[in-house]
Amino acid sequence: MDDKDLLKDKILDEIDDTQYDWFALPHQGLVPDYFIRYWDLAEMVHDYFDEPFYKPKRTPPEQLQ
């Protein structure tokens, strides 16, 4: 198995895990951070298609106040 196949399996596993957690975790009183999950998924998809992924910098705290 080459890297492309492993990455494809990892993408599919991430989608499956996220869908399962969408239904299962609220029954346990937990809520996953979907923003981080989808961000990681976007990075993997960009890597799979050999496209550059622009990751913006975090917002400085002084701009949040």
PDB file of N, CA and C in Angstrom:
ATOM      1  N   MET A   1       0.838  -1.177   0.000  1.00  0.00           N
ATOM      2  CA  MET A   1       0.000   0.000   0.000  1.00  0.00           C
ATOM      3  C   MET A   1       0.887   1.244   0.000  1.00  0.00           C
ATOM      4  N   ASP A   2       0.592   2.174  -0.857  1.00  0.00           N
ATOM      5  CA  ASP A   2       1.405   3.381  -0.901  1.00  0.00           C
ATOM      6  C   ASP A   2       0.796   4.469  -0.012  1.00  0.00           C
ATOM      7  N   ASP A   3       1.472   5.604   0.042  1.00  0.00           N
ATOM      8  CA  ASP A   3       1.034   6.696   0.920  1.00  0.00           C
ATOM      9  C   ASP A   3      -0.336   7.232   0.537  1.00  0.00           C
ATOM     10  N   LYS A   4      -0.635   7.251  -0.758  1.00  0.00           N
ATOM     11  CA  LYS A   4      -1.921   7.769  -1.229  1.00  0.00           C
ATOM     12  C   LYS A   4      -3.068   6.905  -0.715  1.00  0.00           C
ATOM     13  N   ASP A   5      -2.889   5.591  -0.743  1.00  0.00           N
ATOM     14  CA  ASP A   5      -3.926   4.682  -0.247  1.00  0.00           C
ATOM     15  C   ASP A   5      -4.101   4.802   1.262  1.00  0.00           C
ATOM     16  N   LEU A   6      -2.993   4.947   1.977  1.00  0.00           N
ATOM     17  CA  LEU A   6      -3.076   5.111   3.431  1.00  0.00           C
ATOM     18  C   LEU A   6      -3.789   6.411   3.796  1.00  0.00           C
ATOM     19  N   LEU A   7      -3.489   7.473   3.058  1.00  0.00           N
ATOM     20  CA  LEU A   7      -4.139   8.755   3.312  1.00  0.00           C
ATOM     21  C   LEU A   7      -5.627   8.679   2.997  1.00  0.00           C
ATOM     22  N   LYS A   8      -5.981   7.973   1.917  1.00  0.00           N
ATOM     23  CA  LYS A   8      -7.395   7.807   1.569  1.00  0.00           C
ATOM     24  C   LYS A   8      -8.132   7.064   2.682  1.00  0.00           C
ATOM     25  N   ASP A   9      -7.521   6.006   3.211  1.00  0.00           N
ATOM     26  CA  ASP A   9      -8.138   5.260   4.313  1.00  0.00           C
ATOM     27  C   ASP A   9      -8.276   6.131   5.554  1.00  0.00           C
ATOM     28  N   LYS A  10      -7.276   6.965   5.805  1.00  0.00           N
ATOM     29  CA  LYS A  10      -7.327   7.860   6.965  1.00  0.00           C
ATOM     30  C   LYS A  10      -8.449   8.892   6.817  1.00  0.00           C
ATOM     31  N   ILE A  11      -8.638   9.411   5.606  1.00  0.00           N
ATOM     32  CA  ILE A  11      -9.724  10.364   5.343  1.00  0.00           C
ATOM     33  C   ILE A  11     -11.076   9.700   5.582  1.00  0.00           C
ATOM     34  N   LEU A  12     -11.245   8.498   5.048  1.00  0.00           N
ATOM     35  CA  LEU A  12     -12.511   7.790   5.230  1.00  0.00           C
ATOM     36  C   LEU A  12     -12.770   7.452   6.692  1.00  0.00           C
ATOM     37  N   ASP A  13     -11.727   7.077   7.418  1.00  0.00           N
ATOM     38  CA  ASP A  13     -11.874   6.798   8.853  1.00  0.00           C
ATOM     39  C   ASP A  13     -12.272   8.050   9.619  1.00  0.00           C
ATOM     40  N   GLU A  14     -11.681   9.180   9.268  1.00  0.00           N
ATOM     41  CA  GLU A  14     -12.010  10.446   9.941  1.00  0.00           C
ATOM     42  C   GLU A  14     -13.471  10.825   9.707  1.00  0.00           C
ATOM     43  N   ILE A  15     -13.941  10.649   8.483  1.00  0.00           N
ATOM     44  CA  ILE A  15     -15.343  10.936   8.175  1.00  0.00           C
ATOM     45  C   ILE A  15     -16.261  10.003   8.957  1.00  0.00           C
ATOM     46  N   ASP A  16     -15.912   8.723   8.990  1.00  0.00           N
ATOM     47  CA  ASP A  16     -16.725   7.747   9.716  1.00  0.00           C
ATOM     48  C   ASP A  16     -16.743   8.042  11.218  1.00  0.00           C
ATOM     49  N   ASP A  17     -15.594   8.356  11.785  1.00  0.00           N
ATOM     50  CA  ASP A  17     -15.523   8.684  13.220  1.00  0.00           C
ATOM     51  C   ASP A  17     -16.340   9.922  13.555  1.00  0.00           C
ATOM     52  N   THR A  18     -16.260  10.937  12.703  1.00  0.00           N
ATOM     53  CA  THR A  18     -16.995  12.172  12.946  1.00  0.00           C
ATOM     54  C   THR A  18     -18.503  11.930  12.882  1.00  0.00           C
ATOM     55  N   GLN A  19     -18.935  11.136  11.917  1.00  0.00           N
ATOM     56  CA  GLN A  19     -20.357  10.842  11.805  1.00  0.00           C
ATOM     57  C   GLN A  19     -20.838  10.037  13.020  1.00  0.00           C
ATOM     58  N   TYR A  20     -20.057   9.062  13.444  1.00  0.00           N
ATOM     59  CA  TYR A  20     -20.443   8.277  14.621  1.00  0.00           C
ATOM     60  C   TYR A  20     -20.530   9.168  15.861  1.00  0.00           C
ATOM     61  N   ASP A  21     -19.513  10.028  16.048  1.00  0.00           N
ATOM     62  CA  ASP A  21     -19.499  10.903  17.220  1.00  0.00           C
ATOM     63  C   ASP A  21     -20.633  11.914  17.203  1.00  0.00           C
ATOM     64  N   TRP A  22     -21.071  12.306  16.003  1.00  0.00           N
ATOM     65  CA  TRP A  22     -22.199  13.242  15.879  1.00  0.00           C
ATOM     66  C   TRP A  22     -23.442  12.676  16.587  1.00  0.00           C
ATOM     67  N   PHE A  23     -23.648  11.362  16.460  1.00  0.00           N
ATOM     68  CA  PHE A  23     -24.819  10.731  17.053  1.00  0.00           C
ATOM     69  C   PHE A  23     -24.560  10.192  18.454  1.00  0.00           C
ATOM     70  N   ALA A  24     -23.364   9.699  18.731  1.00  0.00           N
ATOM     71  CA  ALA A  24     -23.109   9.001  19.989  1.00  0.00           C
ATOM     72  C   ALA A  24     -22.720   9.916  21.141  1.00  0.00           C
ATOM     73  N   LEU A  25     -21.873  10.902  20.906  1.00  0.00           N
ATOM     74  CA  LEU A  25     -21.336  11.697  22.013  1.00  0.00           C
ATOM     75  C   LEU A  25     -22.375  12.536  22.757  1.00  0.00           C
ATOM     76  N   PRO A  26     -23.367  13.130  22.084  1.00  0.00           N
ATOM     77  CA  PRO A  26     -24.351  13.892  22.865  1.00  0.00           C
ATOM     78  C   PRO A  26     -25.116  13.046  23.885  1.00  0.00           C
ATOM     79  N   HIS A  27     -25.276  11.755  23.634  1.00  0.00           N
ATOM     80  CA  HIS A  27     -25.953  10.876  24.589  1.00  0.00           C
ATOM     81  C   HIS A  27     -25.111  10.632  25.829  1.00  0.00           C
ATOM     82  N   GLN A  28     -23.822  10.915  25.727  1.00  0.00           N
ATOM     83  CA  GLN A  28     -22.916  10.763  26.862  1.00  0.00           C
ATOM     84  C   GLN A  28     -22.608  12.104  27.511  1.00  0.00           C
ATOM     85  N   GLY A  29     -23.260  13.162  27.024  1.00  0.00           N
ATOM     86  CA  GLY A  29     -23.033  14.494  27.573  1.00  0.00           C
ATOM     87  C   GLY A  29     -21.782  15.164  27.038  1.00  0.00           C
ATOM     88  N   LEU A  30     -21.287  14.705  25.900  1.00  0.00           N
ATOM     89  CA  LEU A  30     -20.071  15.257  25.316  1.00  0.00           C
ATOM     90  C   LEU A  30     -20.372  15.865  23.943  1.00  0.00           C
ATOM     91  N   VAL A  31     -19.607  16.871  23.576  1.00  0.00           N
ATOM     92  CA  VAL A  31     -19.730  17.474  22.254  1.00  0.00           C
ATOM     93  C   VAL A  31     -18.325  17.612  21.677  1.00  0.00           C
ATOM     94  N   PRO A  32     -18.040  16.935  20.560  1.00  0.00           N
ATOM     95  CA  PRO A  32     -16.712  17.055  19.967  1.00  0.00           C
ATOM     96  C   PRO A  32     -16.519  18.417  19.309  1.00  0.00           C
ATOM     97  N   ASP A  33     -15.294  18.815  19.154  1.00  0.00           N
ATOM     98  CA  ASP A  33     -14.983  20.093  18.514  1.00  0.00           C
ATOM     99  C   ASP A  33     -14.913  19.851  17.007  1.00  0.00           C
ATOM    100  N   TYR A  34     -16.020  20.133  16.340  1.00  0.00           N
ATOM    101  CA  TYR A  34     -16.108  19.855  14.905  1.00  0.00           C
ATOM    102  C   TYR A  34     -15.192  20.753  14.096  1.00  0.00           C
ATOM    103  N   PHE A  35     -14.931  21.950  14.568  1.00  0.00           N
ATOM    104  CA  PHE A  35     -14.060  22.850  13.821  1.00  0.00           C
ATOM    105  C   PHE A  35     -12.684  22.219  13.623  1.00  0.00           C
ATOM    106  N   ILE A  36     -12.119  21.667  14.684  1.00  0.00           N
ATOM    107  CA  ILE A  36     -10.809  21.028  14.602  1.00  0.00           C
ATOM    108  C   ILE A  36     -10.874  19.788  13.710  1.00  0.00           C
ATOM    109  N   ARG A  37     -11.942  19.017  13.836  1.00  0.00           N
ATOM    110  CA  ARG A  37     -12.076  17.807  13.016  1.00  0.00           C
ATOM    111  C   ARG A  37     -12.146  18.150  11.536  1.00  0.00           C
ATOM    112  N   TYR A  38     -12.960  19.145  11.187  1.00  0.00           N
ATOM    113  CA  TYR A  38     -13.102  19.503   9.777  1.00  0.00           C
ATOM    114  C   TYR A  38     -11.839  20.168   9.246  1.00  0.00           C
ATOM    115  N   TRP A  39     -11.133  20.879  10.093  1.00  0.00           N
ATOM    116  CA  TRP A  39      -9.872  21.491   9.685  1.00  0.00           C
ATOM    117  C   TRP A  39      -8.846  20.406   9.360  1.00  0.00           C
ATOM    118  N   ASP A  40      -8.766  19.395  10.228  1.00  0.00           N
ATOM    119  CA  ASP A  40      -7.849  18.273   9.976  1.00  0.00           C
ATOM    120  C   ASP A  40      -8.245  17.519   8.709  1.00  0.00           C
ATOM    121  N   LEU A  41      -9.546  17.352   8.510  1.00  0.00           N
ATOM    122  CA  LEU A  41     -10.022  16.674   7.309  1.00  0.00           C
ATOM    123  C   LEU A  41      -9.660  17.472   6.061  1.00  0.00           C
ATOM    124  N   ALA A  42      -9.820  18.786   6.124  1.00  0.00           N
ATOM    125  CA  ALA A  42      -9.470  19.634   4.977  1.00  0.00           C
ATOM    126  C   ALA A  42      -7.983  19.520   4.657  1.00  0.00           C
ATOM    127  N   GLU A  43      -7.139  19.481   5.664  1.00  0.00           N
ATOM    128  CA  GLU A  43      -5.699  19.323   5.442  1.00  0.00           C
ATOM    129  C   GLU A  43      -5.392  17.988   4.762  1.00  0.00           C
ATOM    130  N   MET A  44      -6.053  16.923   5.216  1.00  0.00           N
ATOM    131  CA  MET A  44      -5.813  15.614   4.618  1.00  0.00           C
ATOM    132  C   MET A  44      -6.269  15.568   3.162  1.00  0.00           C
ATOM    133  N   VAL A  45      -7.408  16.183   2.867  1.00  0.00           N
ATOM    134  CA  VAL A  45      -7.910  16.195   1.485  1.00  0.00           C
ATOM    135  C   VAL A  45      -6.972  16.988   0.588  1.00  0.00           C
ATOM    136  N   HIS A  46      -6.478  18.118   1.078  1.00  0.00           N
ATOM    137  CA  HIS A  46      -5.525  18.901   0.289  1.00  0.00           C
ATOM    138  C   HIS A  46      -4.229  18.111   0.048  1.00  0.00           C
ATOM    139  N   ASP A  47      -3.776  17.374   1.055  1.00  0.00           N
ATOM    140  CA  ASP A  47      -2.591  16.534   0.880  1.00  0.00           C
ATOM    141  C   ASP A  47      -2.852  15.422  -0.135  1.00  0.00           C
ATOM    142  N   TYR A  48      -4.047  14.859  -0.084  1.00  0.00           N
ATOM    143  CA  TYR A  48      -4.388  13.769  -1.004  1.00  0.00           C
ATOM    144  C   TYR A  48      -4.344  14.232  -2.459  1.00  0.00           C
ATOM    145  N   PHE A  49      -4.849  15.431  -2.710  1.00  0.00           N
ATOM    146  CA  PHE A  49      -4.879  15.959  -4.072  1.00  0.00           C
ATOM    147  C   PHE A  49      -3.651  16.803  -4.413  1.00  0.00           C
ATOM    148  N   ASP A  50      -2.656  16.796  -3.549  1.00  0.00           N
ATOM    149  CA  ASP A  50      -1.408  17.539  -3.762  1.00  0.00           C
ATOM    150  C   ASP A  50      -1.644  19.017  -4.031  1.00  0.00           C
ATOM    151  N   GLU A  51      -2.550  19.596  -3.281  1.00  0.00           N
ATOM    152  CA  GLU A  51      -2.850  21.016  -3.386  1.00  0.00           C
ATOM    153  C   GLU A  51      -2.294  21.722  -2.152  1.00  0.00           C
ATOM    154  N   PRO A  52      -1.801  22.937  -2.302  1.00  0.00           N
ATOM    155  CA  PRO A  52      -1.328  23.669  -1.123  1.00  0.00           C
ATOM    156  C   PRO A  52      -2.500  24.027  -0.215  1.00  0.00           C
ATOM    157  N   PHE A  53      -2.253  24.017   1.058  1.00  0.00           N
ATOM    158  CA  PHE A  53      -3.293  24.335   2.042  1.00  0.00           C
ATOM    159  C   PHE A  53      -2.858  25.566   2.813  1.00  0.00           C
ATOM    160  N   TYR A  54      -3.614  26.630   2.669  1.00  0.00           N
ATOM    161  CA  TYR A  54      -3.312  27.868   3.384  1.00  0.00           C
ATOM    162  C   TYR A  54      -3.962  27.800   4.754  1.00  0.00           C
ATOM    163  N   LYS A  55      -3.147  27.835   5.773  1.00  0.00           N
ATOM    164  CA  LYS A  55      -3.648  27.803   7.140  1.00  0.00           C
ATOM    165  C   LYS A  55      -3.437  29.187   7.746  1.00  0.00           C
ATOM    166  N   PRO A  56      -4.508  29.953   7.925  1.00  0.00           N
ATOM    167  CA  PRO A  56      -4.340  31.297   8.468  1.00  0.00           C
ATOM    168  C   PRO A  56      -3.841  31.275   9.906  1.00  0.00           C
ATOM    169  N   LYS A  57      -3.180  32.335  10.280  1.00  0.00           N
ATOM    170  CA  LYS A  57      -2.676  32.436  11.644  1.00  0.00           C
ATOM    171  C   LYS A  57      -3.834  32.674  12.608  1.00  0.00           C
ATOM    172  N   ARG A  58      -3.609  32.312  13.842  1.00  0.00           N
ATOM    173  CA  ARG A  58      -4.631  32.543  14.863  1.00  0.00           C
ATOM    174  C   ARG A  58      -4.815  34.034  15.099  1.00  0.00           C
ATOM    175  N   THR A  59      -6.010  34.404  15.486  1.00  0.00           N
ATOM    176  CA  THR A  59      -6.303  35.802  15.765  1.00  0.00           C
ATOM    177  C   THR A  59      -5.618  36.218  17.061  1.00  0.00           C
ATOM    178  N   PRO A  60      -4.873  37.316  17.049  1.00  0.00           N
ATOM    179  CA  PRO A  60      -4.221  37.767  18.291  1.00  0.00           C
ATOM    180  C   PRO A  60      -5.276  38.135  19.347  1.00  0.00           C
ATOM    181  N   PRO A  61      -4.991  37.859  20.613  1.00  0.00           N
ATOM    182  CA  PRO A  61      -5.954  38.135  21.675  1.00  0.00           C
ATOM    183  C   PRO A  61      -6.411  39.584  21.741  1.00  0.00           C
ATOM    184  N   GLU A  62      -5.526  40.532  21.382  1.00  0.00           N
ATOM    185  CA  GLU A  62      -5.934  41.927  21.481  1.00  0.00           C
ATOM    186  C   GLU A  62      -7.022  42.273  20.451  1.00  0.00           C
ATOM    187  N   GLN A  63      -7.146  41.523  19.384  1.00  0.00           N
ATOM    188  CA  GLN A  63      -8.191  41.777  18.399  1.00  0.00           C
ATOM    189  C   GLN A  63      -9.522  41.160  18.826  1.00  0.00           C
ATOM    190  N   LEU A  64      -9.496  40.266  19.783  1.00  0.00           N
ATOM    191  CA  LEU A  64     -10.721  39.622  20.241  1.00  0.00           C
ATOM    192  C   LEU A  64     -11.446  40.439  21.297  1.00  0.00           C
ATOM    193  N   GLN A  65     -10.781  41.416  21.868  1.00  0.00           N
ATOM    194  CA  GLN A  65     -11.394  42.188  22.964  1.00  0.00           C
ATOM    195  C   GLN A  65     -12.193  43.347  22.455  1.00  0.00           C
TER     196      GLN A  65
END
